[in-house]
Amino acid sequence: MTMPKFSIAPLERRLATGQDSVLLRVTLALAYQQQGNLAAAIPHLLKATELDPRYSAAWRSLGILYVELGEDAKARLAFQKGIEVARGHGDKQVEKEMIVRLRRLDRQSG
């Protein structure tokens, strides 16, 4: 299954008109990531976790981007928070994925 490509301009226009939401922020981050602009994706995921700290998928995406940027300490914190959030909501699949990613980080640094 291929991931749909997202165009940044219409998403940014929605944001500029005040239509801010967790889903918009996560989609914007994905659009920037697809274009290879990982640094531009980070603020949108941070805002998504601020808008809804209980949205475990945003924490997972944030951790993944930090790993790709070589920011292992920040990735570790994002995954730890995401695991806590996922456990609180019974989101087992996202929890398992973040546990695996956290273990990989631990093996690489240890």
N, C-alpha and C. Protein backbone atom coordinates (compact mmCIF):
# COMPACT_ATOMS: atom_id res chain seq x y z
N MET A 1 0.85 -1.19 0.00
CA MET A 1 0.00 0.00 0.00
C MET A 1 0.89 1.24 0.00
N THR A 2 0.66 2.11 -0.96
CA THR A 2 1.46 3.32 -1.04
C THR A 2 0.82 4.46 -0.27
N MET A 3 1.70 5.27 0.31
CA MET A 3 1.25 6.43 1.07
C MET A 3 0.85 7.54 0.09
N PRO A 4 -0.31 8.15 0.29
CA PRO A 4 -0.68 9.25 -0.60
C PRO A 4 0.30 10.42 -0.43
N LYS A 5 0.55 11.11 -1.51
CA LYS A 5 1.42 12.29 -1.47
C LYS A 5 0.57 13.48 -1.07
N PHE A 6 1.10 14.28 -0.17
CA PHE A 6 0.38 15.46 0.30
C PHE A 6 1.07 16.72 -0.21
N SER A 7 0.27 17.66 -0.64
CA SER A 7 0.79 18.94 -1.11
C SER A 7 0.81 19.91 0.07
N ILE A 8 1.93 20.56 0.27
CA ILE A 8 2.11 21.43 1.43
C ILE A 8 1.29 22.71 1.34
N ALA A 9 1.25 23.34 0.18
CA ALA A 9 0.62 24.66 0.05
C ALA A 9 -0.83 24.70 0.54
N PRO A 10 -1.71 23.79 0.11
CA PRO A 10 -3.09 23.87 0.60
C PRO A 10 -3.20 23.61 2.10
N LEU A 11 -2.33 22.76 2.62
CA LEU A 11 -2.35 22.49 4.06
C LEU A 11 -1.91 23.73 4.84
N GLU A 12 -0.87 24.39 4.36
CA GLU A 12 -0.40 25.62 5.02
C GLU A 12 -1.47 26.72 4.93
N ARG A 13 -2.20 26.77 3.81
CA ARG A 13 -3.28 27.77 3.68
C ARG A 13 -4.37 27.51 4.72
N ARG A 14 -4.72 26.25 4.91
CA ARG A 14 -5.73 25.92 5.93
C ARG A 14 -5.25 26.36 7.31
N LEU A 15 -4.00 26.10 7.58
CA LEU A 15 -3.43 26.49 8.87
C LEU A 15 -3.45 28.01 9.02
N ALA A 16 -3.13 28.73 7.95
CA ALA A 16 -3.10 30.19 7.98
C ALA A 16 -4.48 30.79 8.22
N THR A 17 -5.54 30.08 7.86
CA THR A 17 -6.89 30.59 8.08
C THR A 17 -7.41 30.23 9.46
N GLY A 18 -6.56 29.61 10.28
CA GLY A 18 -6.95 29.29 11.65
C GLY A 18 -7.57 27.92 11.82
N GLN A 19 -7.49 27.08 10.81
CA GLN A 19 -8.07 25.74 10.89
C GLN A 19 -7.06 24.75 11.49
N ASP A 20 -6.54 25.07 12.65
CA ASP A 20 -5.52 24.23 13.27
C ASP A 20 -6.15 23.01 13.92
N SER A 21 -5.49 21.86 13.75
CA SER A 21 -5.95 20.62 14.38
C SER A 21 -4.79 19.65 14.44
N VAL A 22 -4.94 18.64 15.25
CA VAL A 22 -3.92 17.60 15.36
C VAL A 22 -3.72 16.92 14.02
N LEU A 23 -4.81 16.56 13.37
CA LEU A 23 -4.72 15.87 12.09
C LEU A 23 -4.05 16.74 11.02
N LEU A 24 -4.36 18.01 10.99
CA LEU A 24 -3.73 18.91 10.03
C LEU A 24 -2.23 18.98 10.29
N ARG A 25 -1.84 19.09 11.54
CA ARG A 25 -0.42 19.17 11.89
C ARG A 25 0.33 17.89 11.53
N VAL A 26 -0.27 16.75 11.80
CA VAL A 26 0.38 15.48 11.49
C VAL A 26 0.50 15.32 9.96
N THR A 27 -0.54 15.71 9.25
CA THR A 27 -0.51 15.62 7.78
C THR A 27 0.54 16.56 7.20
N LEU A 28 0.64 17.77 7.75
CA LEU A 28 1.67 18.72 7.31
C LEU A 28 3.06 18.15 7.55
N ALA A 29 3.26 17.56 8.71
CA ALA A 29 4.56 16.97 9.03
C ALA A 29 4.89 15.86 8.03
N LEU A 30 3.90 15.05 7.70
CA LEU A 30 4.11 13.97 6.74
C LEU A 30 4.46 14.55 5.36
N ALA A 31 3.77 15.62 4.97
CA ALA A 31 4.05 16.25 3.67
C ALA A 31 5.49 16.77 3.62
N TYR A 32 5.92 17.42 4.68
CA TYR A 32 7.32 17.90 4.72
C TYR A 32 8.29 16.72 4.71
N GLN A 33 7.96 15.68 5.44
CA GLN A 33 8.82 14.50 5.48
C GLN A 33 8.93 13.87 4.09
N GLN A 34 7.81 13.78 3.37
CA GLN A 34 7.83 13.21 2.02
C GLN A 34 8.72 14.02 1.08
N GLN A 35 8.83 15.32 1.33
CA GLN A 35 9.68 16.16 0.49
C GLN A 35 11.12 16.20 0.99
N GLY A 36 11.39 15.48 2.07
CA GLY A 36 12.75 15.43 2.59
C GLY A 36 13.12 16.56 3.52
N ASN A 37 12.14 17.37 3.89
CA ASN A 37 12.39 18.50 4.78
C ASN A 37 11.99 18.11 6.21
N LEU A 38 12.82 17.26 6.82
CA LEU A 38 12.50 16.73 8.15
C LEU A 38 12.47 17.82 9.21
N ALA A 39 13.37 18.78 9.10
CA ALA A 39 13.43 19.85 10.10
C ALA A 39 12.14 20.67 10.12
N ALA A 40 11.51 20.84 8.96
CA ALA A 40 10.26 21.60 8.90
C ALA A 40 9.09 20.78 9.45
N ALA A 41 9.22 19.47 9.47
CA ALA A 41 8.15 18.62 9.97
C ALA A 41 8.07 18.63 11.50
N ILE A 42 9.21 18.77 12.15
CA ILE A 42 9.28 18.68 13.61
C ILE A 42 8.34 19.66 14.32
N PRO A 43 8.35 20.96 13.99
CA PRO A 43 7.46 21.88 14.72
C PRO A 43 5.98 21.51 14.61
N HIS A 44 5.59 20.92 13.49
CA HIS A 44 4.19 20.52 13.33
C HIS A 44 3.85 19.34 14.24
N LEU A 45 4.77 18.41 14.39
CA LEU A 45 4.52 17.29 15.29
C LEU A 45 4.56 17.74 16.75
N LEU A 46 5.45 18.66 17.06
CA LEU A 46 5.47 19.19 18.43
C LEU A 46 4.15 19.88 18.74
N LYS A 47 3.61 20.64 17.79
CA LYS A 47 2.33 21.31 17.99
C LYS A 47 1.21 20.28 18.11
N ALA A 48 1.28 19.21 17.31
CA ALA A 48 0.26 18.16 17.40
C ALA A 48 0.25 17.53 18.79
N THR A 49 1.44 17.28 19.35
CA THR A 49 1.49 16.69 20.69
C THR A 49 1.04 17.68 21.75
N GLU A 50 1.17 18.96 21.46
CA GLU A 50 0.68 19.99 22.37
C GLU A 50 -0.85 20.08 22.30
N LEU A 51 -1.39 20.02 21.08
CA LEU A 51 -2.84 20.11 20.89
C LEU A 51 -3.56 18.91 21.50
N ASP A 52 -2.94 17.72 21.35
CA ASP A 52 -3.51 16.51 21.94
C ASP A 52 -2.39 15.61 22.43
N PRO A 53 -1.96 15.80 23.68
CA PRO A 53 -0.85 15.01 24.22
C PRO A 53 -1.16 13.51 24.29
N ARG A 54 -2.42 13.12 24.09
CA ARG A 54 -2.80 11.72 24.18
C ARG A 54 -2.87 11.03 22.81
N TYR A 55 -2.40 11.70 21.77
CA TYR A 55 -2.41 11.12 20.43
C TYR A 55 -1.08 10.41 20.18
N SER A 56 -1.08 9.11 20.45
CA SER A 56 0.18 8.34 20.44
C SER A 56 0.85 8.31 19.07
N ALA A 57 0.10 8.35 18.00
CA ALA A 57 0.70 8.31 16.66
C ALA A 57 1.56 9.53 16.40
N ALA A 58 1.19 10.67 16.97
CA ALA A 58 2.01 11.88 16.82
C ALA A 58 3.34 11.71 17.55
N TRP A 59 3.31 11.11 18.72
CA TRP A 59 4.55 10.85 19.45
C TRP A 59 5.44 9.89 18.68
N ARG A 60 4.82 8.85 18.09
CA ARG A 60 5.59 7.89 17.29
C ARG A 60 6.26 8.59 16.11
N SER A 61 5.49 9.40 15.39
CA SER A 61 6.04 10.11 14.23
C SER A 61 7.16 11.06 14.64
N LEU A 62 6.98 11.73 15.77
CA LEU A 62 8.00 12.64 16.27
C LEU A 62 9.29 11.88 16.58
N GLY A 63 9.16 10.75 17.25
CA GLY A 63 10.33 9.93 17.56
C GLY A 63 11.04 9.46 16.30
N ILE A 64 10.29 9.02 15.31
CA ILE A 64 10.86 8.55 14.06
C ILE A 64 11.65 9.66 13.38
N LEU A 65 11.08 10.85 13.34
CA LEU A 65 11.78 11.98 12.70
C LEU A 65 13.06 12.33 13.45
N TYR A 66 12.98 12.33 14.77
CA TYR A 66 14.19 12.61 15.54
C TYR A 66 15.29 11.58 15.26
N VAL A 67 14.92 10.31 15.12
CA VAL A 67 15.90 9.27 14.79
C VAL A 67 16.52 9.60 13.43
N GLU A 68 15.68 9.94 12.46
CA GLU A 68 16.19 10.25 11.12
C GLU A 68 17.11 11.46 11.13
N LEU A 69 16.88 12.38 12.06
CA LEU A 69 17.73 13.57 12.18
C LEU A 69 18.95 13.34 13.07
N GLY A 70 19.07 12.14 13.63
CA GLY A 70 20.20 11.83 14.49
C GLY A 70 20.08 12.41 15.89
N GLU A 71 18.88 12.79 16.27
CA GLU A 71 18.61 13.36 17.60
C GLU A 71 18.10 12.24 18.52
N ASP A 72 19.00 11.34 18.87
CA ASP A 72 18.59 10.14 19.60
C ASP A 72 17.99 10.42 20.97
N ALA A 73 18.52 11.39 21.69
CA ALA A 73 17.99 11.69 23.03
C ALA A 73 16.55 12.20 22.93
N LYS A 74 16.29 13.04 21.95
CA LYS A 74 14.92 13.56 21.75
C LYS A 74 14.00 12.44 21.27
N ALA A 75 14.51 11.58 20.42
CA ALA A 75 13.73 10.44 19.93
C ALA A 75 13.34 9.54 21.10
N ARG A 76 14.29 9.28 21.96
CA ARG A 76 14.05 8.42 23.13
C ARG A 76 12.92 9.00 24.00
N LEU A 77 12.99 10.31 24.24
CA LEU A 77 11.95 10.96 25.05
C LEU A 77 10.58 10.88 24.37
N ALA A 78 10.55 11.10 23.06
CA ALA A 78 9.28 11.03 22.32
C ALA A 78 8.70 9.62 22.38
N PHE A 79 9.54 8.61 22.18
CA PHE A 79 9.05 7.24 22.25
C PHE A 79 8.58 6.88 23.65
N GLN A 80 9.32 7.31 24.67
CA GLN A 80 8.92 7.01 26.04
C GLN A 80 7.56 7.62 26.36
N LYS A 81 7.38 8.88 25.98
CA LYS A 81 6.09 9.55 26.21
C LYS A 81 5.00 8.85 25.40
N GLY A 82 5.31 8.51 24.15
CA GLY A 82 4.33 7.84 23.30
C GLY A 82 3.91 6.49 23.84
N ILE A 83 4.85 5.74 24.38
CA ILE A 83 4.54 4.43 24.97
C ILE A 83 3.60 4.61 26.16
N GLU A 84 3.90 5.60 26.98
CA GLU A 84 3.05 5.89 28.15
C GLU A 84 1.63 6.24 27.70
N VAL A 85 1.52 7.09 26.69
CA VAL A 85 0.22 7.51 26.17
C VAL A 85 -0.51 6.31 25.55
N ALA A 86 0.20 5.53 24.75
CA ALA A 86 -0.43 4.38 24.09
C ALA A 86 -0.94 3.38 25.12
N ARG A 87 -0.16 3.14 26.16
CA ARG A 87 -0.61 2.23 27.22
C ARG A 87 -1.88 2.74 27.88
N GLY A 88 -1.94 4.04 28.09
CA GLY A 88 -3.11 4.64 28.73
C GLY A 88 -4.37 4.51 27.92
N HIS A 89 -4.21 4.32 26.60
CA HIS A 89 -5.38 4.21 25.72
C HIS A 89 -5.58 2.82 25.14
N GLY A 90 -4.71 1.89 25.54
CA GLY A 90 -4.83 0.54 25.02
C GLY A 90 -4.48 0.44 23.54
N ASP A 91 -3.65 1.37 23.07
CA ASP A 91 -3.24 1.40 21.67
C ASP A 91 -2.03 0.48 21.51
N LYS A 92 -2.29 -0.81 21.52
CA LYS A 92 -1.24 -1.84 21.59
C LYS A 92 -0.29 -1.82 20.40
N GLN A 93 -0.80 -1.63 19.19
CA GLN A 93 0.06 -1.69 18.01
C GLN A 93 1.09 -0.56 18.02
N VAL A 94 0.64 0.65 18.30
CA VAL A 94 1.56 1.79 18.35
C VAL A 94 2.54 1.63 19.50
N GLU A 95 2.05 1.14 20.63
CA GLU A 95 2.91 0.88 21.78
C GLU A 95 4.02 -0.11 21.42
N LYS A 96 3.67 -1.22 20.80
CA LYS A 96 4.66 -2.24 20.42
C LYS A 96 5.69 -1.67 19.46
N GLU A 97 5.23 -0.89 18.49
CA GLU A 97 6.16 -0.33 17.52
C GLU A 97 7.17 0.60 18.20
N MET A 98 6.68 1.44 19.11
CA MET A 98 7.59 2.36 19.79
C MET A 98 8.55 1.63 20.73
N ILE A 99 8.10 0.55 21.34
CA ILE A 99 8.99 -0.25 22.20
C ILE A 99 10.12 -0.82 21.36
N VAL A 100 9.81 -1.34 20.18
CA VAL A 100 10.83 -1.88 19.28
C VAL A 100 11.80 -0.79 18.87
N ARG A 101 11.28 0.36 18.50
CA ARG A 101 12.15 1.47 18.08
C ARG A 101 13.02 1.96 19.23
N LEU A 102 12.49 1.99 20.43
CA LEU A 102 13.26 2.40 21.60
C LEU A 102 14.37 1.40 21.89
N ARG A 103 14.07 0.13 21.76
CA ARG A 103 15.10 -0.91 21.96
C ARG A 103 16.22 -0.77 20.94
N ARG A 104 15.87 -0.48 19.70
CA ARG A 104 16.90 -0.27 18.67
C ARG A 104 17.80 0.89 19.04
N LEU A 105 17.21 1.96 19.51
CA LEU A 105 18.00 3.12 19.94
C LEU A 105 18.94 2.73 21.07
N ASP A 106 18.42 1.99 22.03
CA ASP A 106 19.23 1.57 23.17
C ASP A 106 20.39 0.69 22.73
N ARG A 107 20.15 -0.21 21.78
CA ARG A 107 21.22 -1.07 21.28
C ARG A 107 22.28 -0.27 20.53
N GLN A 108 21.85 0.72 19.77
CA GLN A 108 22.80 1.53 19.00
C GLN A 108 23.69 2.37 19.90
N SER A 109 23.12 2.87 20.99
CA SER A 109 23.90 3.77 21.85
C SER A 109 24.65 3.01 22.94
N GLY A 110 24.30 1.76 23.17
CA GLY A 110 24.92 1.00 24.26
C GLY A 110 25.86 0.02 23.77
